Every structure is written in C-alpha cells, then in structure tokens.
Amino acid sequence: MIKIVAIYGSPRRKGNTSLLLKQAVQGAREAGAEVEEVVLRDLKISPCLEIYGCKETGRCVIEDDFHRVLDQIQACQGLILASPIFFYAVSAHTKMLIDRCQSMWVKKYWIDKVPYGGWKPKRKGLFIAVGATKGKKLFDGALLTIKYFFDVLDTELWKALLHRGLDFEGDVLKHPEYLEEAYEEGKNFYRAIEISQR
C-alpha cells in the first residue's frame, strides 16, 4: 500500500492550512492511500543547534521527536506538508523540522558525497500554504525553502496549493472551491504516486 505522511505545520488545530490538509488527506485515503498524520505543534522538536554532531554518521544527535518524524518520512512514498505563511516564510513549527534536516544534508552531500542534482526522487511532495495578504511574492520565500527541504529528502515537488487572503480561523470555509480542490488533489496525488511506483 502507498504510504503518505501528512504534516500539519500550523500552530492552530483548525486553521486554514489544517482544514485544507484534512481535505487532501481525505481524498488520498479515499483513493487508497495509507496516511499518517503528524501535528508538529504536539511534538517536542528542538531547533537545530548547529553543533555538527551529525557530521560523523549523518544522524542528528539531539534526541527528541524529530527522529520519529524523519523515520516516517523516509518510509513513505508521498509527503504532504501544510504551513501558513508568516513574514513570507513557513511557520516556526515547520521551520524547526526543516532546519533539523540539516543532518540529512550533511549525510547526503558530505558523507555520501551525492553530486548536487545527482539524485533520483524516492517520493513525491505536495505543499499547501495560505497567507493573509495578497502580495505578488507572498509564497516565493516559502517555495524556495520547500524546494531545498524536499531536495535533501529526495522528494520531488509534485504540486503546490497556494491561497492568498486567508487569515482568521475558518476563512477558508468561505471558499468551498479551495476545499474541494484540496480533496481532489489529494486523490490525484495518490494516483501520481501510484503511477510513479509502477
């Protein structure tokens, strides 16, 4: 069975990105995926302390919930990440997870000496984000961060669902078309993974 990990990066349980992710998860499950949901706000994950304890083996030496999440990601074929946009970047919860994957960068490029761009995707990724403003470059910073985060995890960015003008909890409910899109793309995400596994 195809396994997908869905990571909730919002500090709000019922925030707009969380509601969109729930729809994508439902779509993926109904299409046939096994989906593990990870709520970052419920976990104890330290920020990267840049002590380079990872340079010998590529494993982060800080012992906390990060390792469990990383194990889940490495065992999946699909990764869905949802985060609100704060100051044109991902949330602090999301960024802590990303920064801890510096250990994976060390393993991939320092220890295993994989040439830059010389890796093959092991999984597909779907990114979901919403922001309060309608700025033209609202998602540029976050997308660049996600690109390099996915790179270190051998994950191909399959699609990004990005919505502007959503701020307060429940604002996305005024846009049922966004919720329907997330549901359908959850299904399509599963199908894309299924095709790539043949």
N, C-alpha and C. Protein backbone atom coordinates (compact mmCIF):
# COMPACT_ATOMS: atom_id res chain seq x y z
N MET A 1 0.84 -1.20 0.00
CA MET A 1 0.00 0.00 0.00
C MET A 1 0.88 1.25 0.00
N ILE A 2 0.45 2.25 -0.73
CA ILE A 2 1.18 3.51 -0.78
C ILE A 2 0.99 4.26 0.53
N LYS A 3 2.12 4.69 1.11
CA LYS A 3 2.08 5.40 2.39
C LYS A 3 2.37 6.88 2.15
N ILE A 4 1.53 7.72 2.72
CA ILE A 4 1.70 9.17 2.66
C ILE A 4 1.80 9.71 4.08
N VAL A 5 2.73 10.62 4.29
CA VAL A 5 2.83 11.32 5.57
C VAL A 5 2.32 12.74 5.37
N ALA A 6 1.37 13.13 6.18
CA ALA A 6 0.77 14.47 6.11
C ALA A 6 1.20 15.26 7.34
N ILE A 7 1.93 16.34 7.12
CA ILE A 7 2.49 17.11 8.24
C ILE A 7 1.76 18.44 8.39
N TYR A 8 1.16 18.62 9.57
CA TYR A 8 0.46 19.86 9.89
C TYR A 8 1.45 20.83 10.53
N GLY A 9 1.75 21.91 9.84
CA GLY A 9 2.73 22.86 10.33
C GLY A 9 2.12 24.11 10.94
N SER A 10 0.80 24.12 11.09
CA SER A 10 0.14 25.30 11.64
C SER A 10 0.13 25.27 13.16
N PRO A 11 0.27 26.44 13.81
CA PRO A 11 0.10 26.48 15.26
C PRO A 11 -1.36 26.34 15.68
N ARG A 12 -2.28 26.43 14.72
CA ARG A 12 -3.71 26.30 15.02
C ARG A 12 -4.21 24.94 14.55
N ARG A 13 -4.97 24.28 15.42
CA ARG A 13 -5.51 22.96 15.05
C ARG A 13 -6.56 23.07 13.94
N LYS A 14 -7.31 24.15 13.95
CA LYS A 14 -8.38 24.29 12.96
C LYS A 14 -8.13 25.49 12.06
N GLY A 15 -6.86 25.78 11.84
CA GLY A 15 -6.50 26.87 10.94
C GLY A 15 -6.81 26.52 9.50
N ASN A 16 -6.63 27.47 8.63
CA ASN A 16 -6.98 27.29 7.22
C ASN A 16 -6.13 26.22 6.54
N THR A 17 -4.82 26.21 6.82
CA THR A 17 -3.98 25.17 6.21
C THR A 17 -4.36 23.80 6.75
N SER A 18 -4.72 23.73 8.03
CA SER A 18 -5.11 22.45 8.62
C SER A 18 -6.38 21.91 7.97
N LEU A 19 -7.33 22.79 7.72
CA LEU A 19 -8.57 22.37 7.07
C LEU A 19 -8.31 21.91 5.64
N LEU A 20 -7.44 22.60 4.94
CA LEU A 20 -7.11 22.20 3.57
C LEU A 20 -6.38 20.86 3.58
N LEU A 21 -5.46 20.69 4.52
CA LEU A 21 -4.73 19.43 4.59
C LEU A 21 -5.66 18.28 4.92
N LYS A 22 -6.61 18.49 5.81
CA LYS A 22 -7.57 17.44 6.14
C LYS A 22 -8.33 16.98 4.90
N GLN A 23 -8.67 17.93 4.03
CA GLN A 23 -9.36 17.57 2.80
C GLN A 23 -8.47 16.75 1.87
N ALA A 24 -7.21 17.15 1.76
CA ALA A 24 -6.26 16.41 0.93
C ALA A 24 -6.05 15.00 1.47
N VAL A 25 -5.97 14.89 2.79
CA VAL A 25 -5.80 13.59 3.43
C VAL A 25 -7.00 12.70 3.15
N GLN A 26 -8.20 13.28 3.26
CA GLN A 26 -9.42 12.50 2.99
C GLN A 26 -9.43 12.01 1.55
N GLY A 27 -9.05 12.89 0.63
CA GLY A 27 -9.02 12.48 -0.78
C GLY A 27 -8.02 11.37 -1.02
N ALA A 28 -6.84 11.48 -0.43
CA ALA A 28 -5.80 10.46 -0.61
C ALA A 28 -6.25 9.13 -0.02
N ARG A 29 -6.87 9.18 1.16
CA ARG A 29 -7.34 7.94 1.79
C ARG A 29 -8.43 7.28 0.96
N GLU A 30 -9.34 8.08 0.46
CA GLU A 30 -10.43 7.50 -0.33
C GLU A 30 -9.92 6.92 -1.64
N ALA A 31 -8.79 7.43 -2.11
CA ALA A 31 -8.19 6.89 -3.34
C ALA A 31 -7.44 5.59 -3.06
N GLY A 32 -7.11 5.33 -1.78
CA GLY A 32 -6.46 4.07 -1.45
C GLY A 32 -5.18 4.18 -0.66
N ALA A 33 -4.76 5.39 -0.28
CA ALA A 33 -3.50 5.57 0.43
C ALA A 33 -3.65 5.29 1.92
N GLU A 34 -2.54 4.86 2.52
CA GLU A 34 -2.43 4.82 3.97
C GLU A 34 -1.77 6.14 4.37
N VAL A 35 -2.45 6.94 5.18
CA VAL A 35 -1.94 8.27 5.52
C VAL A 35 -1.66 8.36 7.02
N GLU A 36 -0.42 8.74 7.35
CA GLU A 36 -0.05 9.01 8.73
C GLU A 36 -0.04 10.52 8.92
N GLU A 37 -0.76 11.00 9.92
CA GLU A 37 -0.84 12.44 10.17
C GLU A 37 0.09 12.83 11.31
N VAL A 38 0.85 13.91 11.11
CA VAL A 38 1.81 14.41 12.08
C VAL A 38 1.46 15.86 12.39
N VAL A 39 1.18 16.16 13.64
CA VAL A 39 0.86 17.53 14.06
C VAL A 39 2.08 18.08 14.79
N LEU A 40 2.82 18.97 14.14
CA LEU A 40 4.08 19.43 14.70
C LEU A 40 3.93 20.13 16.04
N ARG A 41 2.84 20.85 16.24
CA ARG A 41 2.66 21.60 17.49
C ARG A 41 2.53 20.67 18.70
N ASP A 42 2.23 19.40 18.46
CA ASP A 42 2.09 18.44 19.55
C ASP A 42 3.40 17.74 19.90
N LEU A 43 4.45 18.00 19.13
CA LEU A 43 5.71 17.29 19.31
C LEU A 43 6.77 18.16 19.99
N LYS A 44 7.75 17.49 20.55
CA LYS A 44 8.89 18.19 21.14
C LYS A 44 10.04 18.10 20.13
N ILE A 45 10.24 19.18 19.38
CA ILE A 45 11.31 19.23 18.39
C ILE A 45 12.13 20.49 18.64
N SER A 46 13.37 20.29 19.00
CA SER A 46 14.28 21.41 19.24
C SER A 46 14.68 22.02 17.89
N PRO A 47 14.98 23.31 17.87
CA PRO A 47 15.60 23.85 16.66
C PRO A 47 17.00 23.26 16.49
N CYS A 48 17.54 23.34 15.30
CA CYS A 48 18.92 22.91 15.06
C CYS A 48 19.85 23.77 15.92
N LEU A 49 20.78 23.14 16.62
CA LEU A 49 21.73 23.87 17.46
C LEU A 49 23.08 24.05 16.77
N GLU A 50 23.18 23.58 15.56
CA GLU A 50 24.38 23.74 14.72
C GLU A 50 25.66 23.32 15.44
N ILE A 51 25.57 22.16 16.10
CA ILE A 51 26.74 21.64 16.80
C ILE A 51 27.49 20.60 15.95
N TYR A 52 26.91 20.27 14.80
CA TYR A 52 27.51 19.33 13.84
C TYR A 52 27.85 17.99 14.46
N GLY A 53 27.02 17.55 15.41
CA GLY A 53 27.16 16.19 15.91
C GLY A 53 26.81 15.17 14.85
N CYS A 54 26.20 15.64 13.75
CA CYS A 54 25.76 14.76 12.68
C CYS A 54 26.85 14.47 11.66
N LYS A 55 28.00 15.11 11.77
CA LYS A 55 28.98 15.01 10.68
C LYS A 55 29.68 13.66 10.59
N GLU A 56 29.56 12.83 11.65
CA GLU A 56 30.17 11.50 11.59
C GLU A 56 29.28 10.49 10.89
N THR A 57 28.00 10.50 11.25
CA THR A 57 27.08 9.47 10.72
C THR A 57 25.92 10.05 9.91
N GLY A 58 25.70 11.35 10.02
CA GLY A 58 24.55 11.95 9.35
C GLY A 58 23.29 11.91 10.19
N ARG A 59 23.41 11.41 11.42
CA ARG A 59 22.25 11.36 12.31
C ARG A 59 22.34 12.51 13.31
N CYS A 60 21.25 13.26 13.45
CA CYS A 60 21.22 14.34 14.42
C CYS A 60 21.37 13.77 15.83
N VAL A 61 22.21 14.41 16.64
CA VAL A 61 22.48 13.90 17.98
C VAL A 61 21.50 14.41 19.03
N ILE A 62 20.63 15.34 18.65
CA ILE A 62 19.61 15.81 19.59
C ILE A 62 18.50 14.77 19.64
N GLU A 63 18.23 14.27 20.83
CA GLU A 63 17.23 13.21 20.98
C GLU A 63 15.87 13.80 21.33
N ASP A 64 14.97 13.81 20.35
CA ASP A 64 13.60 14.28 20.58
C ASP A 64 12.71 13.68 19.51
N ASP A 65 11.53 14.26 19.32
CA ASP A 65 10.55 13.67 18.40
C ASP A 65 10.92 13.81 16.92
N PHE A 66 11.94 14.58 16.63
CA PHE A 66 12.37 14.74 15.24
C PHE A 66 12.66 13.39 14.59
N HIS A 67 13.31 12.50 15.31
CA HIS A 67 13.72 11.23 14.73
C HIS A 67 12.52 10.38 14.31
N ARG A 68 11.46 10.43 15.11
CA ARG A 68 10.25 9.68 14.76
C ARG A 68 9.64 10.21 13.47
N VAL A 69 9.58 11.54 13.35
CA VAL A 69 9.01 12.14 12.13
C VAL A 69 9.89 11.82 10.93
N LEU A 70 11.19 11.91 11.08
CA LEU A 70 12.09 11.60 9.97
C LEU A 70 11.94 10.15 9.53
N ASP A 71 11.81 9.24 10.49
CA ASP A 71 11.60 7.82 10.15
C ASP A 71 10.33 7.65 9.34
N GLN A 72 9.28 8.36 9.73
CA GLN A 72 8.02 8.28 8.99
C GLN A 72 8.19 8.79 7.56
N ILE A 73 8.88 9.90 7.42
CA ILE A 73 9.10 10.47 6.09
C ILE A 73 9.91 9.51 5.23
N GLN A 74 10.96 8.95 5.79
CA GLN A 74 11.83 8.08 5.00
C GLN A 74 11.14 6.79 4.59
N ALA A 75 10.06 6.42 5.29
CA ALA A 75 9.35 5.19 4.97
C ALA A 75 8.17 5.42 4.02
N CYS A 76 7.92 6.67 3.65
CA CYS A 76 6.73 6.96 2.84
C CYS A 76 7.08 7.16 1.36
N GLN A 77 6.04 7.11 0.54
CA GLN A 77 6.19 7.39 -0.89
C GLN A 77 5.64 8.77 -1.25
N GLY A 78 4.91 9.38 -0.32
CA GLY A 78 4.34 10.70 -0.56
C GLY A 78 4.38 11.53 0.70
N LEU A 79 4.73 12.81 0.54
CA LEU A 79 4.81 13.72 1.69
C LEU A 79 3.96 14.95 1.39
N ILE A 80 3.00 15.21 2.28
CA ILE A 80 2.20 16.43 2.17
C ILE A 80 2.56 17.31 3.35
N LEU A 81 2.92 18.55 3.07
CA LEU A 81 3.29 19.50 4.11
C LEU A 81 2.42 20.73 3.99
N ALA A 82 1.80 21.13 5.10
CA ALA A 82 0.94 22.32 5.09
C ALA A 82 1.42 23.31 6.13
N SER A 83 1.56 24.57 5.71
CA SER A 83 2.01 25.61 6.64
C SER A 83 1.38 26.94 6.27
N PRO A 84 0.97 27.72 7.27
CA PRO A 84 0.60 29.11 6.99
C PRO A 84 1.87 29.90 6.69
N ILE A 85 1.69 31.06 6.10
CA ILE A 85 2.81 31.94 5.79
C ILE A 85 2.92 33.02 6.85
N PHE A 86 4.09 33.11 7.48
CA PHE A 86 4.40 34.17 8.43
C PHE A 86 5.61 34.94 7.89
N PHE A 87 5.46 36.23 7.69
CA PHE A 87 6.56 37.05 7.18
C PHE A 87 7.18 36.44 5.92
N TYR A 88 6.30 35.98 5.03
CA TYR A 88 6.72 35.44 3.72
C TYR A 88 7.55 34.16 3.86
N ALA A 89 7.37 33.44 4.95
CA ALA A 89 8.08 32.18 5.18
C ALA A 89 7.13 31.19 5.85
N VAL A 90 7.59 29.95 6.03
CA VAL A 90 6.78 28.95 6.71
C VAL A 90 6.72 29.23 8.21
N SER A 91 5.84 28.55 8.90
CA SER A 91 5.68 28.74 10.35
C SER A 91 6.92 28.27 11.11
N ALA A 92 7.05 28.73 12.35
CA ALA A 92 8.18 28.32 13.19
C ALA A 92 8.19 26.81 13.41
N HIS A 93 7.02 26.21 13.60
CA HIS A 93 6.94 24.76 13.80
C HIS A 93 7.51 24.03 12.59
N THR A 94 7.13 24.50 11.41
CA THR A 94 7.59 23.88 10.17
C THR A 94 9.09 24.10 9.99
N LYS A 95 9.54 25.31 10.27
CA LYS A 95 10.95 25.63 10.05
C LYS A 95 11.86 24.84 10.99
N MET A 96 11.40 24.55 12.20
CA MET A 96 12.23 23.75 13.10
C MET A 96 12.45 22.35 12.52
N LEU A 97 11.40 21.75 11.98
CA LEU A 97 11.55 20.44 11.35
C LEU A 97 12.52 20.53 10.18
N ILE A 98 12.33 21.54 9.34
CA ILE A 98 13.20 21.71 8.17
C ILE A 98 14.66 21.89 8.60
N ASP A 99 14.89 22.76 9.57
CA ASP A 99 16.27 23.03 9.99
C ASP A 99 16.94 21.79 10.58
N ARG A 100 16.18 20.95 11.25
CA ARG A 100 16.77 19.73 11.81
C ARG A 100 17.20 18.77 10.71
N CYS A 101 16.65 18.93 9.53
CA CYS A 101 17.06 18.09 8.40
C CYS A 101 18.39 18.53 7.81
N GLN A 102 19.03 19.51 8.46
CA GLN A 102 20.41 19.84 8.10
C GLN A 102 21.28 18.59 8.24
N SER A 103 20.92 17.73 9.20
CA SER A 103 21.66 16.48 9.37
C SER A 103 21.55 15.60 8.12
N MET A 104 20.41 15.65 7.46
CA MET A 104 20.23 14.89 6.23
C MET A 104 21.05 15.49 5.09
N TRP A 105 21.18 16.81 5.11
CA TRP A 105 22.03 17.47 4.11
C TRP A 105 23.48 17.03 4.30
N VAL A 106 23.92 17.00 5.56
CA VAL A 106 25.29 16.57 5.87
C VAL A 106 25.52 15.14 5.39
N LYS A 107 24.54 14.27 5.67
CA LYS A 107 24.69 12.87 5.25
C LYS A 107 24.73 12.77 3.73
N LYS A 108 23.84 13.44 3.06
CA LYS A 108 23.71 13.30 1.61
C LYS A 108 24.91 13.87 0.88
N TYR A 109 25.27 15.10 1.23
CA TYR A 109 26.27 15.81 0.43
C TYR A 109 27.70 15.76 1.00
N TRP A 110 27.85 15.57 2.30
CA TRP A 110 29.19 15.49 2.88
C TRP A 110 29.66 14.05 3.03
N ILE A 111 28.77 13.21 3.60
CA ILE A 111 29.17 11.83 3.89
C ILE A 111 29.04 10.94 2.66
N ASP A 112 27.84 10.94 2.06
CA ASP A 112 27.60 10.08 0.89
C ASP A 112 28.12 10.70 -0.41
N LYS A 113 28.44 12.00 -0.35
CA LYS A 113 29.01 12.72 -1.50
C LYS A 113 28.17 12.59 -2.77
N VAL A 114 26.85 12.71 -2.60
CA VAL A 114 25.95 12.72 -3.76
C VAL A 114 26.17 14.01 -4.54
N PRO A 115 26.40 13.94 -5.85
CA PRO A 115 26.58 15.17 -6.63
C PRO A 115 25.31 16.02 -6.57
N TYR A 116 25.45 17.33 -6.50
CA TYR A 116 24.28 18.20 -6.49
C TYR A 116 23.44 17.94 -7.74
N GLY A 117 22.17 17.69 -7.52
CA GLY A 117 21.28 17.38 -8.63
C GLY A 117 21.42 15.96 -9.13
N GLY A 118 22.25 15.16 -8.46
CA GLY A 118 22.51 13.81 -8.94
C GLY A 118 21.70 12.74 -8.23
N TRP A 119 20.55 13.10 -7.71
CA TRP A 119 19.72 12.12 -7.01
C TRP A 119 18.43 11.86 -7.77
N LYS A 120 17.84 10.71 -7.51
CA LYS A 120 16.56 10.35 -8.12
C LYS A 120 15.48 10.42 -7.05
N PRO A 121 14.32 10.94 -7.40
CA PRO A 121 13.25 11.07 -6.41
C PRO A 121 12.82 9.72 -5.84
N LYS A 122 12.69 9.67 -4.52
CA LYS A 122 12.18 8.48 -3.85
C LYS A 122 10.71 8.64 -3.48
N ARG A 123 10.26 9.90 -3.51
CA ARG A 123 8.87 10.17 -3.15
C ARG A 123 8.43 11.48 -3.80
N LYS A 124 7.14 11.70 -3.79
CA LYS A 124 6.57 12.94 -4.30
C LYS A 124 6.10 13.79 -3.14
N GLY A 125 6.08 15.11 -3.36
CA GLY A 125 5.66 16.02 -2.31
C GLY A 125 4.58 16.99 -2.77
N LEU A 126 3.67 17.28 -1.87
CA LEU A 126 2.61 18.26 -2.10
C LEU A 126 2.72 19.30 -0.99
N PHE A 127 2.77 20.56 -1.37
CA PHE A 127 2.87 21.65 -0.39
C PHE A 127 1.59 22.46 -0.41
N ILE A 128 1.05 22.73 0.78
CA ILE A 128 -0.17 23.53 0.93
C ILE A 128 0.16 24.72 1.81
N ALA A 129 -0.16 25.91 1.34
CA ALA A 129 0.12 27.10 2.14
C ALA A 129 -0.94 28.17 1.90
N VAL A 130 -1.21 28.94 2.94
CA VAL A 130 -2.10 30.10 2.81
C VAL A 130 -1.46 31.29 3.50
N GLY A 131 -1.79 32.47 2.99
CA GLY A 131 -1.29 33.70 3.58
C GLY A 131 -2.39 34.72 3.68
N ALA A 132 -2.24 35.63 4.62
CA ALA A 132 -3.29 36.62 4.88
C ALA A 132 -3.33 37.71 3.82
N THR A 133 -2.16 38.11 3.30
CA THR A 133 -2.13 39.21 2.35
C THR A 133 -2.27 38.70 0.93
N LYS A 134 -2.23 39.61 -0.01
CA LYS A 134 -2.36 39.23 -1.42
C LYS A 134 -1.12 39.63 -2.22
N GLY A 135 0.00 39.76 -1.52
CA GLY A 135 1.23 40.17 -2.17
C GLY A 135 1.65 39.24 -3.30
N LYS A 136 2.20 39.82 -4.34
CA LYS A 136 2.60 39.07 -5.53
C LYS A 136 3.65 38.01 -5.19
N LYS A 137 4.55 38.33 -4.26
CA LYS A 137 5.63 37.42 -3.92
C LYS A 137 5.41 36.70 -2.59
N LEU A 138 4.15 36.62 -2.18
CA LEU A 138 3.81 36.07 -0.88
C LEU A 138 4.40 34.70 -0.62
N PHE A 139 4.44 33.85 -1.63
CA PHE A 139 4.87 32.47 -1.44
C PHE A 139 6.29 32.19 -1.92
N ASP A 140 6.96 33.19 -2.48
CA ASP A 140 8.27 32.96 -3.10
C ASP A 140 9.29 32.40 -2.11
N GLY A 141 9.38 33.01 -0.93
CA GLY A 141 10.36 32.56 0.06
C GLY A 141 10.07 31.15 0.55
N ALA A 142 8.80 30.87 0.85
CA ALA A 142 8.42 29.55 1.33
C ALA A 142 8.67 28.48 0.27
N LEU A 143 8.37 28.78 -0.97
CA LEU A 143 8.58 27.80 -2.04
C LEU A 143 10.05 27.47 -2.22
N LEU A 144 10.90 28.46 -2.07
CA LEU A 144 12.34 28.21 -2.18
C LEU A 144 12.80 27.31 -1.04
N THR A 145 12.30 27.60 0.17
CA THR A 145 12.63 26.77 1.32
C THR A 145 12.17 25.33 1.12
N ILE A 146 10.93 25.17 0.65
CA ILE A 146 10.38 23.83 0.42
C ILE A 146 11.17 23.09 -0.65
N LYS A 147 11.57 23.80 -1.68
CA LYS A 147 12.35 23.17 -2.74
C LYS A 147 13.60 22.51 -2.18
N TYR A 148 14.33 23.22 -1.33
CA TYR A 148 15.57 22.68 -0.80
C TYR A 148 15.33 21.67 0.33
N PHE A 149 14.25 21.84 1.06
CA PHE A 149 13.86 20.84 2.06
C PHE A 149 13.54 19.52 1.38
N PHE A 150 12.73 19.58 0.32
CA PHE A 150 12.39 18.37 -0.41
C PHE A 150 13.62 17.76 -1.07
N ASP A 151 14.52 18.60 -1.54
CA ASP A 151 15.75 18.12 -2.18
C ASP A 151 16.52 17.19 -1.25
N VAL A 152 16.70 17.61 -0.01
CA VAL A 152 17.50 16.82 0.92
C VAL A 152 16.81 15.52 1.29
N LEU A 153 15.50 15.46 1.09
CA LEU A 153 14.72 14.25 1.38
C LEU A 153 14.46 13.42 0.12
N ASP A 154 15.14 13.74 -0.97
CA ASP A 154 14.94 13.03 -2.25
C ASP A 154 13.46 13.04 -2.65
N THR A 155 12.85 14.20 -2.49
CA THR A 155 11.42 14.35 -2.76
C THR A 155 11.19 15.35 -3.88
N GLU A 156 10.41 14.94 -4.84
CA GLU A 156 10.06 15.79 -5.98
C GLU A 156 8.81 16.59 -5.64
N LEU A 157 8.87 17.91 -5.79
CA LEU A 157 7.67 18.73 -5.56
C LEU A 157 6.69 18.49 -6.70
N TRP A 158 5.63 17.79 -6.39
CA TRP A 158 4.63 17.45 -7.39
C TRP A 158 3.72 18.63 -7.68
N LYS A 159 3.28 19.30 -6.62
CA LYS A 159 2.37 20.44 -6.79
C LYS A 159 2.35 21.27 -5.51
N ALA A 160 1.99 22.55 -5.66
CA ALA A 160 1.80 23.43 -4.51
C ALA A 160 0.42 24.07 -4.61
N LEU A 161 -0.36 23.98 -3.55
CA LEU A 161 -1.66 24.63 -3.47
C LEU A 161 -1.49 25.87 -2.60
N LEU A 162 -1.62 27.04 -3.20
CA LEU A 162 -1.31 28.30 -2.53
C LEU A 162 -2.51 29.24 -2.61
N HIS A 163 -2.93 29.76 -1.46
CA HIS A 163 -4.10 30.64 -1.43
C HIS A 163 -3.82 31.90 -0.63
N ARG A 164 -4.15 33.03 -1.22
CA ARG A 164 -3.96 34.33 -0.59
C ARG A 164 -5.25 34.80 0.08
N GLY A 165 -5.12 35.79 0.95
CA GLY A 165 -6.28 36.46 1.53
C GLY A 165 -7.01 35.65 2.59
N LEU A 166 -6.33 34.66 3.19
CA LEU A 166 -6.94 33.85 4.25
C LEU A 166 -6.15 34.09 5.53
N ASP A 167 -6.82 34.58 6.56
CA ASP A 167 -6.12 34.94 7.78
C ASP A 167 -6.74 34.29 9.00
N PHE A 168 -7.96 34.70 9.33
CA PHE A 168 -8.58 34.24 10.56
C PHE A 168 -9.08 32.81 10.43
N GLU A 169 -9.12 32.13 11.58
CA GLU A 169 -9.55 30.74 11.60
C GLU A 169 -10.92 30.60 10.93
N GLY A 170 -10.99 29.70 9.98
CA GLY A 170 -12.24 29.44 9.28
C GLY A 170 -12.46 30.24 8.02
N ASP A 171 -11.54 31.15 7.69
CA ASP A 171 -11.70 31.94 6.47
C ASP A 171 -11.83 31.07 5.22
N VAL A 172 -11.14 29.94 5.23
CA VAL A 172 -11.17 29.08 4.04
C VAL A 172 -12.56 28.48 3.82
N LEU A 173 -13.37 28.44 4.87
CA LEU A 173 -14.74 27.90 4.72
C LEU A 173 -15.60 28.78 3.82
N LYS A 174 -15.18 30.02 3.63
CA LYS A 174 -15.89 30.92 2.71
C LYS A 174 -15.54 30.61 1.25
N HIS A 175 -14.60 29.69 1.08
CA HIS A 175 -14.16 29.32 -0.27
C HIS A 175 -14.23 27.80 -0.42
N PRO A 176 -15.44 27.27 -0.54
CA PRO A 176 -15.57 25.81 -0.65
C PRO A 176 -14.82 25.24 -1.85
N GLU A 177 -14.58 26.09 -2.86
CA GLU A 177 -13.83 25.61 -4.02
C GLU A 177 -12.38 25.27 -3.66
N TYR A 178 -11.82 25.96 -2.67
CA TYR A 178 -10.46 25.64 -2.23
C TYR A 178 -10.42 24.28 -1.54
N LEU A 179 -11.45 24.04 -0.73
CA LEU A 179 -11.54 22.76 -0.02
C LEU A 179 -11.76 21.61 -0.99
N GLU A 180 -12.59 21.85 -1.98
CA GLU A 180 -12.85 20.81 -2.99
C GLU A 180 -11.58 20.54 -3.79
N GLU A 181 -10.84 21.59 -4.12
CA GLU A 181 -9.58 21.42 -4.85
C GLU A 181 -8.60 20.58 -4.04
N ALA A 182 -8.48 20.87 -2.75
CA ALA A 182 -7.56 20.11 -1.90
C ALA A 182 -7.95 18.63 -1.85
N TYR A 183 -9.25 18.37 -1.75
CA TYR A 183 -9.75 16.99 -1.73
C TYR A 183 -9.40 16.27 -3.04
N GLU A 184 -9.66 16.92 -4.15
CA GLU A 184 -9.38 16.31 -5.46
C GLU A 184 -7.89 16.12 -5.68
N GLU A 185 -7.10 17.11 -5.24
CA GLU A 185 -5.65 16.98 -5.42
C GLU A 185 -5.08 15.90 -4.50
N GLY A 186 -5.71 15.66 -3.36
CA GLY A 186 -5.30 14.53 -2.52
C GLY A 186 -5.46 13.23 -3.28
N LYS A 187 -6.57 13.08 -3.98
CA LYS A 187 -6.79 11.90 -4.81
C LYS A 187 -5.76 11.83 -5.93
N ASN A 188 -5.58 12.96 -6.60
CA ASN A 188 -4.64 13.00 -7.72
C ASN A 188 -3.21 12.73 -7.28
N PHE A 189 -2.88 13.18 -6.08
CA PHE A 189 -1.55 12.95 -5.53
C PHE A 189 -1.31 11.46 -5.37
N TYR A 190 -2.28 10.77 -4.81
CA TYR A 190 -2.17 9.32 -4.67
C TYR A 190 -1.98 8.66 -6.03
N ARG A 191 -2.77 9.08 -6.99
CA ARG A 191 -2.67 8.47 -8.33
C ARG A 191 -1.32 8.72 -8.97
N ALA A 192 -0.79 9.93 -8.77
CA ALA A 192 0.53 10.27 -9.33
C ALA A 192 1.61 9.38 -8.71
N ILE A 193 1.51 9.16 -7.41
CA ILE A 193 2.48 8.28 -6.74
C ILE A 193 2.33 6.86 -7.26
N GLU A 194 1.10 6.43 -7.37
CA GLU A 194 0.81 5.06 -7.84
C GLU A 194 1.44 4.83 -9.22
N ILE A 195 1.28 5.79 -10.11
CA ILE A 195 1.85 5.66 -11.46
C ILE A 195 3.37 5.61 -11.40
N SER A 196 3.95 6.45 -10.54
CA SER A 196 5.42 6.51 -10.46
C SER A 196 6.02 5.23 -9.86
N GLN A 197 5.20 4.46 -9.14
CA GLN A 197 5.69 3.23 -8.50
C GLN A 197 5.64 2.02 -9.43
N ARG A 198 5.02 2.18 -10.59
CA ARG A 198 4.88 1.03 -11.49
C ARG A 198 6.20 0.67 -12.16
